[in-house]
Amino acid sequence: MVLESLMAKKSRLILELESAKAAGQTDNVRELAAQAAEMEEEIAAKLKKEGEPEKAVVNLLSAASLREDEGDLRRAEQLFRQAGTVTKRKELVRIADANATRLSVVRDAEGVRNVIAEIRSVKRISVARAELIDQMLARFKKLCEKENLILEVKSPPKPTRVKRRQPVG
């Protein structure tokens, strides 16, 4: 009975969240998403405890999506990864892993943008900070390569000179 009550309350909250999204109420969306995500996580924990992992995975995926709406990309990534380990269904594992990887790349890209902004504002950085940036960029590149997000850029062929024929005669 407690689980059904929690699910009903969560459903009402998600309807309110969707209305806030439609109205463009960003702050309200984040607050409602955080509340709904907490409920989804609680529901998932109860379902797992009751021996219903395949039902729990749906709530974990929903919680991850809500954490993304909230702006907590790190927690969303964690929840997607957790969902992938809970289920035995290959399609759900693939979806969870793909979303976790997507968020990891997004978070790294945001980190790179923040670092670039910091460098532009400071103009100089310490050697230690430069090494951290190198590590972050290497990790970002590795993730992008793993996901086939890097296009190979080939330089255009060099133009060949056409020799003019000398007129005979």
N, C-alpha and C. Protein backbone atom coordinates (compact mmCIF):
# COMPACT_ATOMS: atom_id res chain seq x y z
N MET A 1 0.82 -1.20 0.00
CA MET A 1 0.00 0.00 0.00
C MET A 1 0.86 1.26 0.00
N VAL A 2 1.95 1.25 0.75
CA VAL A 2 2.83 2.41 0.81
C VAL A 2 3.44 2.68 -0.56
N LEU A 3 3.82 1.60 -1.27
CA LEU A 3 4.42 1.74 -2.59
C LEU A 3 3.43 2.35 -3.59
N GLU A 4 2.20 1.90 -3.57
CA GLU A 4 1.18 2.43 -4.47
C GLU A 4 0.92 3.91 -4.21
N SER A 5 0.91 4.28 -2.93
CA SER A 5 0.70 5.68 -2.56
C SER A 5 1.85 6.55 -3.06
N LEU A 6 3.07 6.05 -2.91
CA LEU A 6 4.26 6.78 -3.38
C LEU A 6 4.23 6.93 -4.90
N MET A 7 3.82 5.86 -5.58
CA MET A 7 3.74 5.91 -7.05
C MET A 7 2.69 6.92 -7.51
N ALA A 8 1.57 6.97 -6.84
CA ALA A 8 0.51 7.93 -7.20
C ALA A 8 0.98 9.36 -6.97
N LYS A 9 1.65 9.59 -5.86
CA LYS A 9 2.16 10.94 -5.56
C LYS A 9 3.21 11.35 -6.59
N LYS A 10 4.09 10.39 -6.95
CA LYS A 10 5.12 10.65 -7.96
C LYS A 10 4.49 10.98 -9.30
N SER A 11 3.44 10.27 -9.69
CA SER A 11 2.75 10.51 -10.96
C SER A 11 2.15 11.91 -11.01
N ARG A 12 1.55 12.32 -9.92
CA ARG A 12 0.98 13.69 -9.85
C ARG A 12 2.10 14.73 -9.98
N LEU A 13 3.22 14.47 -9.33
CA LEU A 13 4.35 15.39 -9.38
C LEU A 13 4.91 15.50 -10.80
N ILE A 14 4.96 14.37 -11.51
CA ILE A 14 5.47 14.38 -12.88
C ILE A 14 4.52 15.15 -13.80
N LEU A 15 3.22 15.05 -13.57
CA LEU A 15 2.27 15.86 -14.35
C LEU A 15 2.50 17.35 -14.10
N GLU A 16 2.74 17.70 -12.85
CA GLU A 16 3.04 19.09 -12.49
C GLU A 16 4.34 19.54 -13.16
N LEU A 17 5.32 18.65 -13.18
CA LEU A 17 6.61 18.92 -13.83
C LEU A 17 6.41 19.20 -15.32
N GLU A 18 5.63 18.37 -15.98
CA GLU A 18 5.38 18.57 -17.41
C GLU A 18 4.68 19.90 -17.69
N SER A 19 3.79 20.29 -16.80
CA SER A 19 3.13 21.61 -16.95
C SER A 19 4.14 22.74 -16.78
N ALA A 20 5.03 22.59 -15.82
CA ALA A 20 6.06 23.61 -15.59
C ALA A 20 7.01 23.70 -16.79
N LYS A 21 7.32 22.55 -17.39
CA LYS A 21 8.16 22.55 -18.59
C LYS A 21 7.47 23.31 -19.72
N ALA A 22 6.19 23.00 -19.92
CA ALA A 22 5.42 23.65 -20.99
C ALA A 22 5.34 25.16 -20.78
N ALA A 23 5.30 25.58 -19.51
CA ALA A 23 5.20 27.01 -19.20
C ALA A 23 6.57 27.68 -19.18
N GLY A 24 7.63 26.90 -19.33
CA GLY A 24 8.98 27.47 -19.36
C GLY A 24 9.47 27.93 -18.00
N GLN A 25 8.98 27.32 -16.93
CA GLN A 25 9.36 27.69 -15.56
C GLN A 25 10.60 26.89 -15.13
N THR A 26 11.76 27.33 -15.57
CA THR A 26 13.01 26.58 -15.39
C THR A 26 13.31 26.24 -13.93
N ASP A 27 13.21 27.21 -13.05
CA ASP A 27 13.51 26.93 -11.64
C ASP A 27 12.54 25.91 -11.05
N ASN A 28 11.28 26.07 -11.38
CA ASN A 28 10.26 25.14 -10.88
C ASN A 28 10.49 23.74 -11.46
N VAL A 29 10.90 23.66 -12.73
CA VAL A 29 11.19 22.37 -13.37
C VAL A 29 12.29 21.65 -12.61
N ARG A 30 13.35 22.37 -12.30
CA ARG A 30 14.47 21.74 -11.59
C ARG A 30 14.05 21.22 -10.21
N GLU A 31 13.28 22.01 -9.50
CA GLU A 31 12.83 21.62 -8.16
C GLU A 31 11.90 20.40 -8.22
N LEU A 32 10.94 20.45 -9.15
CA LEU A 32 10.00 19.33 -9.29
C LEU A 32 10.72 18.06 -9.78
N ALA A 33 11.66 18.23 -10.69
CA ALA A 33 12.42 17.08 -11.20
C ALA A 33 13.22 16.42 -10.08
N ALA A 34 13.82 17.24 -9.22
CA ALA A 34 14.59 16.70 -8.08
C ALA A 34 13.68 15.91 -7.15
N GLN A 35 12.51 16.45 -6.85
CA GLN A 35 11.57 15.76 -5.96
C GLN A 35 11.08 14.44 -6.58
N ALA A 36 10.73 14.49 -7.86
CA ALA A 36 10.24 13.29 -8.53
C ALA A 36 11.34 12.24 -8.65
N ALA A 37 12.56 12.69 -8.90
CA ALA A 37 13.69 11.75 -9.00
C ALA A 37 13.92 11.03 -7.68
N GLU A 38 13.83 11.78 -6.59
CA GLU A 38 13.97 11.15 -5.27
C GLU A 38 12.93 10.06 -5.07
N MET A 39 11.70 10.36 -5.47
CA MET A 39 10.62 9.37 -5.33
C MET A 39 10.88 8.15 -6.21
N GLU A 40 11.32 8.39 -7.44
CA GLU A 40 11.62 7.27 -8.35
C GLU A 40 12.73 6.39 -7.77
N GLU A 41 13.75 7.02 -7.21
CA GLU A 41 14.84 6.24 -6.60
C GLU A 41 14.33 5.42 -5.42
N GLU A 42 13.46 6.03 -4.63
CA GLU A 42 12.89 5.33 -3.47
C GLU A 42 12.03 4.14 -3.93
N ILE A 43 11.23 4.36 -4.96
CA ILE A 43 10.39 3.29 -5.51
C ILE A 43 11.27 2.16 -6.03
N ALA A 44 12.33 2.51 -6.76
CA ALA A 44 13.25 1.50 -7.32
C ALA A 44 13.88 0.68 -6.20
N ALA A 45 14.30 1.34 -5.13
CA ALA A 45 14.92 0.63 -4.00
C ALA A 45 13.93 -0.34 -3.38
N LYS A 46 12.68 0.09 -3.22
CA LYS A 46 11.66 -0.79 -2.63
C LYS A 46 11.38 -1.98 -3.54
N LEU A 47 11.31 -1.74 -4.85
CA LEU A 47 11.05 -2.83 -5.79
C LEU A 47 12.20 -3.83 -5.80
N LYS A 48 13.43 -3.33 -5.76
CA LYS A 48 14.57 -4.24 -5.71
C LYS A 48 14.53 -5.08 -4.44
N LYS A 49 14.20 -4.43 -3.33
CA LYS A 49 14.14 -5.12 -2.04
C LYS A 49 13.06 -6.20 -2.06
N GLU A 50 11.97 -5.96 -2.80
CA GLU A 50 10.88 -6.92 -2.90
C GLU A 50 11.15 -7.99 -3.96
N GLY A 51 12.36 -7.95 -4.56
CA GLY A 51 12.71 -8.96 -5.56
C GLY A 51 12.15 -8.69 -6.94
N GLU A 52 11.92 -7.43 -7.27
CA GLU A 52 11.37 -7.03 -8.57
C GLU A 52 12.35 -6.13 -9.34
N PRO A 53 13.57 -6.63 -9.65
CA PRO A 53 14.56 -5.76 -10.30
C PRO A 53 14.15 -5.26 -11.68
N GLU A 54 13.39 -6.08 -12.42
CA GLU A 54 12.99 -5.66 -13.77
C GLU A 54 11.99 -4.50 -13.72
N LYS A 55 11.20 -4.43 -12.66
CA LYS A 55 10.31 -3.28 -12.48
C LYS A 55 11.11 -2.08 -11.98
N ALA A 56 12.09 -2.34 -11.13
CA ALA A 56 12.91 -1.27 -10.57
C ALA A 56 13.69 -0.53 -11.64
N VAL A 57 14.10 -1.24 -12.68
CA VAL A 57 14.92 -0.61 -13.72
C VAL A 57 14.16 0.52 -14.41
N VAL A 58 12.86 0.37 -14.57
CA VAL A 58 12.04 1.42 -15.19
C VAL A 58 12.10 2.69 -14.34
N ASN A 59 12.01 2.51 -13.03
CA ASN A 59 12.07 3.67 -12.13
C ASN A 59 13.46 4.29 -12.09
N LEU A 60 14.49 3.45 -12.20
CA LEU A 60 15.86 3.99 -12.25
C LEU A 60 16.08 4.81 -13.51
N LEU A 61 15.58 4.31 -14.64
CA LEU A 61 15.72 5.06 -15.89
C LEU A 61 14.94 6.38 -15.82
N SER A 62 13.77 6.33 -15.22
CA SER A 62 12.98 7.55 -15.04
C SER A 62 13.70 8.52 -14.10
N ALA A 63 14.26 8.01 -13.01
CA ALA A 63 14.99 8.86 -12.07
C ALA A 63 16.19 9.51 -12.76
N ALA A 64 16.87 8.74 -13.60
CA ALA A 64 18.03 9.28 -14.32
C ALA A 64 17.60 10.43 -15.24
N SER A 65 16.51 10.22 -15.95
CA SER A 65 16.00 11.26 -16.84
C SER A 65 15.59 12.51 -16.06
N LEU A 66 14.97 12.29 -14.91
CA LEU A 66 14.57 13.42 -14.06
C LEU A 66 15.79 14.16 -13.51
N ARG A 67 16.83 13.42 -13.13
CA ARG A 67 18.06 14.07 -12.65
C ARG A 67 18.68 14.91 -13.77
N GLU A 68 18.54 14.43 -14.99
CA GLU A 68 19.02 15.21 -16.13
C GLU A 68 18.22 16.50 -16.26
N ASP A 69 16.90 16.41 -16.11
CA ASP A 69 16.05 17.61 -16.12
C ASP A 69 16.44 18.57 -15.01
N GLU A 70 16.80 18.00 -13.88
CA GLU A 70 17.21 18.81 -12.72
C GLU A 70 18.53 19.52 -12.99
N GLY A 71 19.35 18.93 -13.86
CA GLY A 71 20.67 19.50 -14.14
C GLY A 71 21.79 18.77 -13.42
N ASP A 72 21.48 17.68 -12.73
CA ASP A 72 22.48 16.90 -12.02
C ASP A 72 22.95 15.76 -12.93
N LEU A 73 23.84 16.10 -13.87
CA LEU A 73 24.27 15.14 -14.88
C LEU A 73 25.09 14.00 -14.28
N ARG A 74 25.86 14.28 -13.26
CA ARG A 74 26.67 13.23 -12.62
C ARG A 74 25.75 12.16 -12.01
N ARG A 75 24.74 12.58 -11.29
CA ARG A 75 23.82 11.62 -10.67
C ARG A 75 23.00 10.89 -11.74
N ALA A 76 22.61 11.60 -12.79
CA ALA A 76 21.88 10.96 -13.88
C ALA A 76 22.73 9.86 -14.51
N GLU A 77 23.98 10.16 -14.74
CA GLU A 77 24.89 9.15 -15.31
C GLU A 77 24.99 7.93 -14.38
N GLN A 78 25.13 8.18 -13.09
CA GLN A 78 25.22 7.08 -12.12
C GLN A 78 23.96 6.21 -12.16
N LEU A 79 22.81 6.85 -12.23
CA LEU A 79 21.55 6.11 -12.25
C LEU A 79 21.39 5.29 -13.53
N PHE A 80 21.81 5.86 -14.67
CA PHE A 80 21.77 5.08 -15.91
C PHE A 80 22.67 3.85 -15.80
N ARG A 81 23.86 4.03 -15.25
CA ARG A 81 24.79 2.90 -15.08
C ARG A 81 24.18 1.85 -14.13
N GLN A 82 23.57 2.32 -13.05
CA GLN A 82 22.94 1.41 -12.09
C GLN A 82 21.82 0.63 -12.77
N ALA A 83 21.01 1.31 -13.56
CA ALA A 83 19.91 0.64 -14.26
C ALA A 83 20.44 -0.46 -15.17
N GLY A 84 21.57 -0.21 -15.82
CA GLY A 84 22.17 -1.21 -16.70
C GLY A 84 22.63 -2.45 -15.97
N THR A 85 22.96 -2.30 -14.69
CA THR A 85 23.42 -3.47 -13.93
C THR A 85 22.27 -4.23 -13.28
N VAL A 86 21.11 -3.61 -13.16
CA VAL A 86 19.97 -4.22 -12.48
C VAL A 86 19.22 -5.17 -13.41
N THR A 87 19.12 -4.81 -14.68
CA THR A 87 18.30 -5.58 -15.61
C THR A 87 19.11 -6.64 -16.35
N LYS A 88 18.40 -7.65 -16.80
CA LYS A 88 19.00 -8.70 -17.64
C LYS A 88 18.61 -8.49 -19.11
N ARG A 89 17.68 -7.58 -19.33
CA ARG A 89 17.21 -7.33 -20.70
C ARG A 89 18.24 -6.53 -21.47
N LYS A 90 18.76 -7.13 -22.54
CA LYS A 90 19.86 -6.53 -23.30
C LYS A 90 19.52 -5.16 -23.86
N GLU A 91 18.30 -4.99 -24.32
CA GLU A 91 17.89 -3.70 -24.89
C GLU A 91 17.94 -2.60 -23.84
N LEU A 92 17.48 -2.90 -22.63
CA LEU A 92 17.52 -1.90 -21.56
C LEU A 92 18.95 -1.62 -21.12
N VAL A 93 19.79 -2.66 -21.10
CA VAL A 93 21.21 -2.46 -20.77
C VAL A 93 21.84 -1.54 -21.80
N ARG A 94 21.53 -1.78 -23.09
CA ARG A 94 22.10 -0.95 -24.16
C ARG A 94 21.64 0.51 -24.02
N ILE A 95 20.36 0.70 -23.75
CA ILE A 95 19.82 2.06 -23.59
C ILE A 95 20.47 2.76 -22.40
N ALA A 96 20.56 2.05 -21.29
CA ALA A 96 21.14 2.63 -20.08
C ALA A 96 22.61 3.00 -20.30
N ASP A 97 23.37 2.08 -20.90
CA ASP A 97 24.79 2.35 -21.15
C ASP A 97 25.00 3.49 -22.13
N ALA A 98 24.18 3.53 -23.18
CA ALA A 98 24.30 4.60 -24.18
C ALA A 98 24.03 5.96 -23.54
N ASN A 99 23.01 6.03 -22.69
CA ASN A 99 22.70 7.29 -22.03
C ASN A 99 23.77 7.69 -21.02
N ALA A 100 24.31 6.72 -20.30
CA ALA A 100 25.38 7.01 -19.35
C ALA A 100 26.60 7.56 -20.08
N THR A 101 26.95 6.94 -21.19
CA THR A 101 28.10 7.40 -21.98
C THR A 101 27.84 8.78 -22.55
N ARG A 102 26.62 9.01 -23.06
CA ARG A 102 26.26 10.33 -23.60
C ARG A 102 26.43 11.42 -22.55
N LEU A 103 25.96 11.14 -21.34
CA LEU A 103 26.08 12.13 -20.27
C LEU A 103 27.53 12.34 -19.86
N SER A 104 28.31 11.28 -19.89
CA SER A 104 29.73 11.41 -19.57
C SER A 104 30.42 12.33 -20.57
N VAL A 105 30.11 12.16 -21.84
CA VAL A 105 30.69 13.01 -22.89
C VAL A 105 30.21 14.45 -22.72
N VAL A 106 28.93 14.63 -22.41
CA VAL A 106 28.38 15.98 -22.21
C VAL A 106 29.07 16.66 -21.04
N ARG A 107 29.22 15.92 -19.93
CA ARG A 107 29.88 16.51 -18.75
C ARG A 107 31.32 16.88 -19.06
N ASP A 108 32.02 16.02 -19.81
CA ASP A 108 33.41 16.32 -20.18
C ASP A 108 33.47 17.53 -21.10
N ALA A 109 32.53 17.62 -22.04
CA ALA A 109 32.50 18.77 -22.94
C ALA A 109 32.26 20.06 -22.16
N GLU A 110 31.36 20.00 -21.17
CA GLU A 110 31.13 21.18 -20.33
C GLU A 110 32.39 21.54 -19.55
N GLY A 111 33.10 20.52 -19.08
CA GLY A 111 34.35 20.76 -18.38
C GLY A 111 35.37 21.44 -19.27
N VAL A 112 35.47 20.99 -20.52
CA VAL A 112 36.39 21.59 -21.48
C VAL A 112 36.00 23.05 -21.72
N ARG A 113 34.70 23.32 -21.91
CA ARG A 113 34.25 24.70 -22.11
C ARG A 113 34.60 25.58 -20.91
N ASN A 114 34.40 25.04 -19.71
CA ASN A 114 34.71 25.80 -18.49
C ASN A 114 36.20 26.10 -18.40
N VAL A 115 37.02 25.13 -18.76
CA VAL A 115 38.47 25.33 -18.71
C VAL A 115 38.89 26.39 -19.72
N ILE A 116 38.32 26.33 -20.91
CA ILE A 116 38.66 27.33 -21.93
C ILE A 116 38.26 28.73 -21.44
N ALA A 117 37.09 28.84 -20.84
CA ALA A 117 36.65 30.13 -20.31
C ALA A 117 37.59 30.61 -19.22
N GLU A 118 38.03 29.68 -18.36
CA GLU A 118 38.97 30.04 -17.28
C GLU A 118 40.29 30.53 -17.85
N ILE A 119 40.80 29.84 -18.85
CA ILE A 119 42.08 30.24 -19.46
C ILE A 119 41.96 31.61 -20.10
N ARG A 120 40.85 31.85 -20.78
CA ARG A 120 40.64 33.15 -21.42
C ARG A 120 40.58 34.27 -20.40
N SER A 121 40.01 33.99 -19.23
CA SER A 121 39.87 35.05 -18.24
C SER A 121 41.18 35.29 -17.48
N VAL A 122 41.95 34.23 -17.27
CA VAL A 122 43.16 34.35 -16.47
C VAL A 122 44.39 34.67 -17.32
N LYS A 123 44.40 34.17 -18.53
CA LYS A 123 45.50 34.34 -19.49
C LYS A 123 46.70 33.46 -19.16
N ARG A 124 46.89 33.05 -17.92
CA ARG A 124 48.00 32.17 -17.54
C ARG A 124 47.47 31.12 -16.58
N ILE A 125 48.03 29.94 -16.67
CA ILE A 125 47.66 28.88 -15.75
C ILE A 125 48.91 28.18 -15.24
N SER A 126 48.78 27.52 -14.11
CA SER A 126 49.93 26.81 -13.54
C SER A 126 50.20 25.53 -14.32
N VAL A 127 51.39 24.99 -14.16
CA VAL A 127 51.76 23.74 -14.81
C VAL A 127 50.84 22.61 -14.35
N ALA A 128 50.54 22.58 -13.04
CA ALA A 128 49.66 21.54 -12.50
C ALA A 128 48.28 21.61 -13.15
N ARG A 129 47.76 22.82 -13.31
CA ARG A 129 46.44 23.00 -13.93
C ARG A 129 46.50 22.57 -15.40
N ALA A 130 47.60 22.90 -16.07
CA ALA A 130 47.76 22.51 -17.47
C ALA A 130 47.79 20.99 -17.61
N GLU A 131 48.42 20.31 -16.67
CA GLU A 131 48.46 18.85 -16.70
C GLU A 131 47.07 18.24 -16.47
N LEU A 132 46.31 18.86 -15.57
CA LEU A 132 44.94 18.39 -15.35
C LEU A 132 44.09 18.58 -16.61
N ILE A 133 44.31 19.68 -17.29
CA ILE A 133 43.58 19.94 -18.54
C ILE A 133 43.97 18.90 -19.58
N ASP A 134 45.26 18.59 -19.68
CA ASP A 134 45.71 17.56 -20.62
C ASP A 134 45.03 16.22 -20.33
N GLN A 135 44.94 15.86 -19.06
CA GLN A 135 44.31 14.59 -18.68
C GLN A 135 42.82 14.60 -19.05
N MET A 136 42.16 15.72 -18.78
CA MET A 136 40.74 15.83 -19.10
C MET A 136 40.52 15.73 -20.60
N LEU A 137 41.34 16.40 -21.37
CA LEU A 137 41.18 16.36 -22.82
C LEU A 137 41.48 14.97 -23.37
N ALA A 138 42.46 14.29 -22.80
CA ALA A 138 42.78 12.93 -23.24
C ALA A 138 41.61 11.99 -22.95
N ARG A 139 40.99 12.15 -21.77
CA ARG A 139 39.82 11.32 -21.42
C ARG A 139 38.66 11.63 -22.36
N PHE A 140 38.46 12.90 -22.64
CA PHE A 140 37.38 13.32 -23.53
C PHE A 140 37.60 12.74 -24.93
N LYS A 141 38.83 12.81 -25.42
CA LYS A 141 39.14 12.28 -26.75
C LYS A 141 38.91 10.77 -26.78
N LYS A 142 39.32 10.07 -25.73
CA LYS A 142 39.15 8.62 -25.66
C LYS A 142 37.67 8.25 -25.69
N LEU A 143 36.85 8.98 -24.92
CA LEU A 143 35.41 8.74 -24.92
C LEU A 143 34.80 8.98 -26.30
N CYS A 144 35.22 10.06 -26.93
CA CYS A 144 34.70 10.39 -28.26
C CYS A 144 35.11 9.33 -29.28
N GLU A 145 36.35 8.85 -29.18
CA GLU A 145 36.80 7.80 -30.09
C GLU A 145 36.02 6.51 -29.85
N LYS A 146 35.79 6.18 -28.59
CA LYS A 146 35.05 4.96 -28.24
C LYS A 146 33.64 5.00 -28.83
N GLU A 147 33.03 6.17 -28.83
CA GLU A 147 31.67 6.32 -29.33
C GLU A 147 31.62 6.70 -30.81
N ASN A 148 32.77 6.67 -31.47
CA ASN A 148 32.87 7.04 -32.89
C ASN A 148 32.31 8.43 -33.17
N LEU A 149 32.65 9.37 -32.30
CA LEU A 149 32.18 10.74 -32.46
C LEU A 149 33.18 11.63 -33.18
N ILE A 150 34.36 11.10 -33.43
CA ILE A 150 35.40 11.90 -34.07
C ILE A 150 35.45 11.53 -35.54
N LEU A 151 35.28 12.52 -36.36
CA LEU A 151 35.38 12.31 -37.79
C LEU A 151 36.82 12.50 -38.21
N GLU A 152 37.27 11.62 -39.07
CA GLU A 152 38.63 11.77 -39.57
C GLU A 152 38.63 12.90 -40.59
N VAL A 153 39.46 13.86 -40.36
CA VAL A 153 39.53 15.00 -41.26
C VAL A 153 40.75 14.82 -42.14
N LYS A 154 40.50 14.69 -43.41
CA LYS A 154 41.59 14.51 -44.36
C LYS A 154 41.86 15.85 -45.03
N SER A 155 43.14 16.18 -45.14
CA SER A 155 43.45 17.42 -45.82
C SER A 155 43.22 17.22 -47.31
N PRO A 156 42.77 18.26 -47.95
CA PRO A 156 42.47 18.13 -49.38
C PRO A 156 43.76 17.84 -50.15
N PRO A 157 43.64 17.12 -51.24
CA PRO A 157 44.84 16.83 -52.01
C PRO A 157 45.45 18.11 -52.55
N LYS A 158 46.77 18.11 -52.61
CA LYS A 158 47.45 19.28 -53.15
C LYS A 158 47.20 19.35 -54.65
N PRO A 159 46.94 20.56 -55.12
CA PRO A 159 46.67 20.68 -56.56
C PRO A 159 47.94 20.33 -57.34
N THR A 160 47.76 19.61 -58.40
CA THR A 160 48.91 19.27 -59.25
C THR A 160 49.00 20.30 -60.36
N ARG A 161 50.22 20.61 -60.66
CA ARG A 161 50.42 21.57 -61.75
C ARG A 161 50.36 20.84 -63.07
N VAL A 162 49.64 21.43 -63.95
CA VAL A 162 49.54 20.86 -65.30
C VAL A 162 50.59 21.54 -66.14
N LYS A 163 51.46 20.72 -66.74
CA LYS A 163 52.51 21.29 -67.60
C LYS A 163 51.90 21.62 -68.94
N ARG A 164 52.19 22.80 -69.37
CA ARG A 164 51.69 23.20 -70.69
C ARG A 164 52.62 22.66 -71.76
N ARG A 165 52.01 22.28 -72.78
CA ARG A 165 52.82 21.81 -73.92
C ARG A 165 53.40 23.00 -74.64
N GLN A 166 54.59 22.80 -75.03
CA GLN A 166 55.24 23.84 -75.83
C GLN A 166 54.82 23.66 -77.29
N PRO A 167 54.44 24.78 -77.86
CA PRO A 167 54.05 24.64 -79.29
C PRO A 167 55.25 24.17 -80.14
N VAL A 168 54.97 23.30 -81.04
CA VAL A 168 55.99 22.79 -81.94
C VAL A 168 56.08 23.73 -83.12
N GLY A 169 57.30 24.05 -83.39
CA GLY A 169 57.41 24.73 -84.58
C GLY A 169 57.93 25.96 -84.86
